[in-house]
Amino acid sequence: MAMRLWQVRRHLDSFARKDPFWAVLTTDGKEANRWKIEEFFASGLNEVDAALAKVRVRLPTMDRRHALDFGCGVGRISQALARHFDHVTGVDISAEMLVQARHHNRHGDRVDYQHNAAEHLGRFADGTFDLVFSVITLQHLAPEYSRRYIAEFLRICAPGGAVYFQLTAGTVRPARRSWYPPTVAKNIWRRINAYLALYPTMEMNSLPRAEVEAIVRAAGGEIVWVDDSHGAGTAFESCVYLARRA
């Protein structure tokens, strides 16, 4: 059973207190607070520059007034987006992560960080953002939540704007019930840890590409471009989607 949203929040809060940069970008060899701050935020600059180059080719008239970084964590992407947009809003479920993000903000009032623990983005009005951006976030949420958030991305995207998001693309298979004692013990421990966050973890969840595209269409959007090459041949194959309001 996938973690509930409040459990995800509890685990992320724990990560933020122990090893926040690695929790955001789990690169081998960078655990135990081995990320250098400059190197960490430079990775966001490179990622955003590459992403926006792809967006510009396909949506050249997109305005650059206000961008949303969904699942902003400590602000790796938000700080990079501030080089391209007049204002950036970062939103995250973890209040502890946002403490770190505000500490590392280098753009003053042009970047604001908001705590959102709801299953929706109702705090934002329709058509608020010229760009909605989310990477390595939705995959850590149960499919029931990522489905809602994708639809919300389209709602809060301005006409002529863009929604750029990434999500693992495998088929979600329900866990098989087993009464094998070691398996039962492991499942009990997993549930206890999910509740108490003694050892913080991040689950991996997926939505098939066809389902994601159907969600976008149902929300009044259209897919402009998909890159399905990320993690090809691994257990974490993912797609990057670029969508717009239809």
Protein backbone atom coordinates (compact mmCIF):
# COMPACT_ATOMS: atom_id res chain seq x y z
CA MET A 1 0.00 0.00 0.00
CA ALA A 2 1.44 3.38 -1.04
CA MET A 3 2.01 6.02 1.60
CA ARG A 4 -0.67 8.59 2.28
CA LEU A 5 0.16 12.21 1.63
CA TRP A 6 0.66 13.01 5.31
CA GLN A 7 3.11 10.11 5.56
CA VAL A 8 5.08 11.41 2.60
CA ARG A 9 5.23 14.78 4.33
CA ARG A 10 6.51 13.21 7.54
CA HIS A 11 9.28 11.35 5.70
CA LEU A 12 10.34 14.42 3.74
CA ASP A 13 10.45 16.49 6.92
CA SER A 14 12.76 13.87 8.40
CA PHE A 15 14.97 13.90 5.31
CA ALA A 16 15.13 17.71 5.47
CA ARG A 17 16.53 17.55 8.98
CA LYS A 18 19.06 14.81 8.17
CA ASP A 19 20.22 15.02 4.54
CA PRO A 20 18.11 17.47 2.52
CA PHE A 21 20.19 17.83 -0.64
CA TRP A 22 20.58 14.09 -1.17
CA ALA A 23 16.84 13.60 -0.56
CA VAL A 24 16.19 15.96 -3.47
CA LEU A 25 18.88 14.59 -5.80
CA THR A 26 19.86 11.04 -4.81
CA THR A 27 23.14 10.84 -6.69
CA ASP A 28 25.46 8.00 -5.70
CA GLY A 29 28.26 9.16 -3.46
CA LYS A 30 26.39 12.29 -2.33
CA GLU A 31 24.57 10.79 0.63
CA ALA A 32 25.46 11.78 4.22
CA ASN A 33 25.52 15.49 3.30
CA ARG A 34 28.30 15.18 0.71
CA TRP A 35 26.66 17.55 -1.78
CA LYS A 36 28.53 20.83 -2.16
CA ILE A 37 26.03 23.68 -2.21
CA GLU A 38 27.39 25.31 -5.37
CA GLU A 39 27.49 21.99 -7.22
CA PHE A 40 23.96 21.11 -6.12
CA PHE A 41 22.38 24.35 -7.30
CA ALA A 42 24.46 24.36 -10.50
CA SER A 43 22.76 21.07 -11.42
CA GLY A 44 19.44 22.90 -11.29
CA LEU A 45 20.71 25.66 -13.57
CA ASN A 46 21.84 23.13 -16.16
CA GLU A 47 18.57 21.18 -15.97
CA VAL A 48 16.35 24.24 -16.30
CA ASP A 49 18.39 25.74 -19.14
CA ALA A 50 18.11 22.48 -21.10
CA ALA A 51 14.38 22.13 -20.37
CA LEU A 52 13.51 25.69 -21.36
CA ALA A 53 15.46 25.36 -24.58
CA LYS A 54 13.12 22.51 -25.51
CA VAL A 55 10.07 24.51 -24.45
CA ARG A 56 11.12 27.55 -26.49
CA VAL A 57 11.37 25.50 -29.68
CA ARG A 58 7.82 24.19 -29.28
CA LEU A 59 6.10 27.10 -27.52
CA PRO A 60 8.07 30.19 -28.57
CA THR A 61 5.41 32.69 -27.48
CA MET A 62 5.24 31.54 -23.84
CA ASP A 63 5.35 34.52 -21.46
CA ARG A 64 7.91 34.63 -18.66
CA ARG A 65 6.09 36.41 -15.89
CA HIS A 66 5.35 33.73 -13.29
CA ALA A 67 6.57 30.12 -12.93
CA LEU A 68 5.62 27.42 -10.44
CA ASP A 69 8.09 24.83 -9.16
CA PHE A 70 5.93 21.99 -7.84
CA GLY A 71 7.75 19.84 -5.27
CA CYS A 72 10.43 22.46 -4.91
CA GLY A 73 12.26 20.86 -1.99
CA VAL A 74 15.19 23.07 -1.02
CA GLY A 75 14.77 25.25 -4.12
CA ARG A 76 17.19 23.68 -6.61
CA ILE A 77 14.86 24.32 -9.57
CA SER A 78 13.18 27.45 -8.19
CA GLN A 79 16.49 29.29 -8.00
CA ALA A 80 17.30 28.32 -11.58
CA LEU A 81 13.89 29.37 -12.88
CA ALA A 82 14.43 32.81 -11.36
CA ARG A 83 17.02 33.49 -14.05
CA HIS A 84 14.28 33.20 -16.69
CA PHE A 85 11.05 34.44 -15.05
CA ASP A 86 9.98 37.66 -13.34
CA HIS A 87 8.63 35.72 -10.37
CA VAL A 88 8.88 32.11 -9.20
CA THR A 89 6.72 30.30 -6.65
CA GLY A 90 8.00 27.11 -5.12
CA VAL A 91 5.51 24.83 -3.44
CA ASP A 92 6.21 21.76 -1.33
CA ILE A 93 4.45 19.43 1.07
CA SER A 94 7.37 19.57 3.54
CA ALA A 95 7.59 22.65 5.76
CA GLU A 96 11.08 21.57 6.81
CA MET A 97 12.28 21.53 3.20
CA LEU A 98 10.92 25.04 2.77
CA VAL A 99 12.98 26.25 5.73
CA GLN A 100 16.04 25.14 3.79
CA ALA A 101 14.74 26.66 0.55
CA ARG A 102 14.22 30.08 2.12
CA HIS A 103 17.69 29.93 3.65
CA HIS A 104 19.26 29.30 0.24
CA ASN A 105 17.16 31.84 -1.68
CA ARG A 106 19.41 34.24 -3.60
CA HIS A 107 16.70 36.15 -5.47
CA GLY A 108 14.87 38.01 -2.72
CA ASP A 109 11.16 38.68 -3.19
CA ARG A 110 11.27 37.41 -6.77
CA VAL A 111 11.08 33.87 -5.34
CA ASP A 112 8.52 32.87 -2.74
CA TYR A 113 7.99 29.49 -1.15
CA GLN A 114 4.59 28.18 -0.05
CA HIS A 115 3.65 25.16 2.01
CA ASN A 116 0.87 23.04 0.49
CA ALA A 117 -0.15 19.83 2.21
CA ALA A 118 -3.46 19.51 0.35
CA GLU A 119 -4.29 16.96 -2.34
CA HIS A 120 -4.92 19.81 -4.77
CA LEU A 121 -3.58 23.26 -5.69
CA GLY A 122 -6.72 25.19 -4.83
CA ARG A 123 -4.63 27.99 -3.28
CA PHE A 124 -3.85 29.08 -6.86
CA ALA A 125 -6.42 30.55 -9.22
CA ASP A 126 -7.04 29.28 -12.75
CA GLY A 127 -4.44 30.43 -15.27
CA THR A 128 -1.97 31.79 -12.69
CA PHE A 129 1.31 30.49 -14.13
CA ASP A 130 3.03 30.82 -17.48
CA LEU A 131 5.07 27.70 -16.66
CA VAL A 132 4.30 24.84 -14.30
CA PHE A 133 7.46 22.78 -13.76
CA SER A 134 7.83 19.53 -11.82
CA VAL A 135 10.60 16.92 -11.94
CA ILE A 136 11.48 14.00 -9.63
CA THR A 137 8.43 14.70 -7.48
CA LEU A 138 5.28 13.01 -8.79
CA GLN A 139 7.03 9.64 -8.86
CA HIS A 140 7.19 9.69 -5.06
CA LEU A 141 3.44 10.11 -4.68
CA ALA A 142 0.72 7.48 -4.87
CA PRO A 143 -0.99 7.46 -8.29
CA GLU A 144 -4.24 8.79 -6.84
CA TYR A 145 -2.40 12.01 -5.92
CA SER A 146 -0.29 12.39 -9.06
CA ARG A 147 -3.45 12.05 -11.21
CA ARG A 148 -5.05 14.97 -9.36
CA TYR A 149 -1.96 17.13 -9.47
CA ILE A 150 -1.47 16.68 -13.22
CA ALA A 151 -5.03 17.86 -13.80
CA GLU A 152 -4.38 20.79 -11.46
CA PHE A 153 -1.24 21.71 -13.44
CA LEU A 154 -3.42 22.29 -16.50
CA ARG A 155 -5.98 24.29 -14.53
CA ILE A 156 -3.47 26.76 -13.10
CA CYS A 157 -1.53 27.09 -16.37
CA ALA A 158 -2.19 30.34 -18.22
CA PRO A 159 -3.42 30.27 -21.84
CA GLY A 160 -0.33 30.11 -24.00
CA GLY A 161 1.66 28.74 -21.07
CA ALA A 162 3.41 25.40 -20.61
CA VAL A 163 3.32 22.45 -18.22
CA TYR A 164 6.61 20.58 -18.06
CA PHE A 165 6.65 17.52 -15.80
CA GLN A 166 8.33 14.15 -15.35
CA LEU A 167 6.94 10.87 -14.06
CA THR A 168 8.03 7.24 -14.06
CA ALA A 169 6.10 5.39 -16.71
CA GLY A 170 5.84 1.74 -15.71
CA THR A 171 2.58 -0.04 -15.09
CA VAL A 172 1.39 0.08 -11.49
CA ARG A 173 0.89 -3.46 -10.25
CA PRO A 174 -0.94 -4.19 -7.00
CA ALA A 175 1.17 -5.91 -4.37
CA ARG A 176 0.56 -9.65 -4.04
CA ARG A 177 -0.64 -10.81 -0.65
CA SER A 178 1.72 -13.26 1.02
CA TRP A 179 1.56 -15.02 4.39
CA TYR A 180 5.21 -16.07 4.29
CA PRO A 181 6.41 -15.04 7.80
CA PRO A 182 9.45 -12.97 6.71
CA THR A 183 7.29 -11.15 4.16
CA VAL A 184 4.57 -10.48 6.74
CA ALA A 185 7.20 -9.14 9.16
CA LYS A 186 8.67 -6.92 6.46
CA ASN A 187 5.24 -5.52 5.59
CA ILE A 188 4.47 -4.82 9.25
CA TRP A 189 7.80 -3.02 9.63
CA ARG A 190 7.16 -1.03 6.45
CA ARG A 191 3.80 0.17 7.80
CA ILE A 192 5.28 1.08 11.18
CA ASN A 193 8.10 3.00 9.50
CA ALA A 194 5.67 4.72 7.11
CA TYR A 195 3.79 6.00 10.16
CA LEU A 196 6.72 6.93 12.40
CA ALA A 197 9.35 7.81 9.75
CA LEU A 198 12.06 6.25 11.89
CA TYR A 199 14.10 5.62 8.77
CA PRO A 200 12.84 8.02 6.07
CA THR A 201 12.22 6.50 2.67
CA MET A 202 10.87 7.61 -0.69
CA GLU A 203 8.53 5.32 -2.55
CA MET A 204 8.58 5.02 -6.33
CA ASN A 205 5.26 5.02 -8.14
CA SER A 206 4.33 5.17 -11.82
CA LEU A 207 1.62 6.03 -14.30
CA PRO A 208 1.64 4.59 -17.83
CA ARG A 209 2.18 7.13 -20.58
CA ALA A 210 -1.24 6.48 -22.13
CA GLU A 211 -2.95 7.26 -18.83
CA VAL A 212 -0.98 10.47 -18.32
CA GLU A 213 -1.92 11.66 -21.81
CA ALA A 214 -5.58 10.85 -21.12
CA ILE A 215 -5.46 12.88 -17.87
CA VAL A 216 -4.02 15.86 -19.73
CA ARG A 217 -6.75 15.70 -22.39
CA ALA A 218 -9.50 15.34 -19.78
CA ALA A 219 -8.15 18.43 -18.01
CA GLY A 220 -8.48 20.50 -21.16
CA GLY A 221 -4.88 20.25 -22.28
CA GLU A 222 -2.89 18.73 -25.08
CA ILE A 223 0.48 17.02 -25.19
CA VAL A 224 3.02 18.99 -27.20
CA TRP A 225 6.04 16.71 -26.77
CA VAL A 226 7.13 13.63 -24.84
CA ASP A 227 10.64 12.36 -24.12
CA ASP A 228 10.47 8.70 -23.08
CA SER A 229 14.23 8.06 -23.09
CA HIS A 230 14.90 8.71 -19.41
CA GLY A 231 16.13 5.61 -17.61
CA ALA A 232 15.43 3.40 -20.63
CA GLY A 233 16.05 -0.24 -19.81
CA THR A 234 16.09 0.32 -16.05
CA ALA A 235 13.50 -0.19 -13.33
CA PHE A 236 12.84 3.55 -13.33
CA GLU A 237 11.99 4.37 -16.91
CA SER A 238 10.30 7.73 -17.02
CA CYS A 239 8.77 10.23 -19.39
CA VAL A 240 9.11 13.98 -19.56
CA TYR A 241 5.92 15.64 -20.78
CA LEU A 242 5.35 19.08 -22.24
CA ALA A 243 1.69 20.09 -22.32
CA ARG A 244 -0.37 23.24 -22.80
CA ARG A 245 -3.95 24.37 -22.37
CA ALA A 246 -5.86 23.31 -25.47
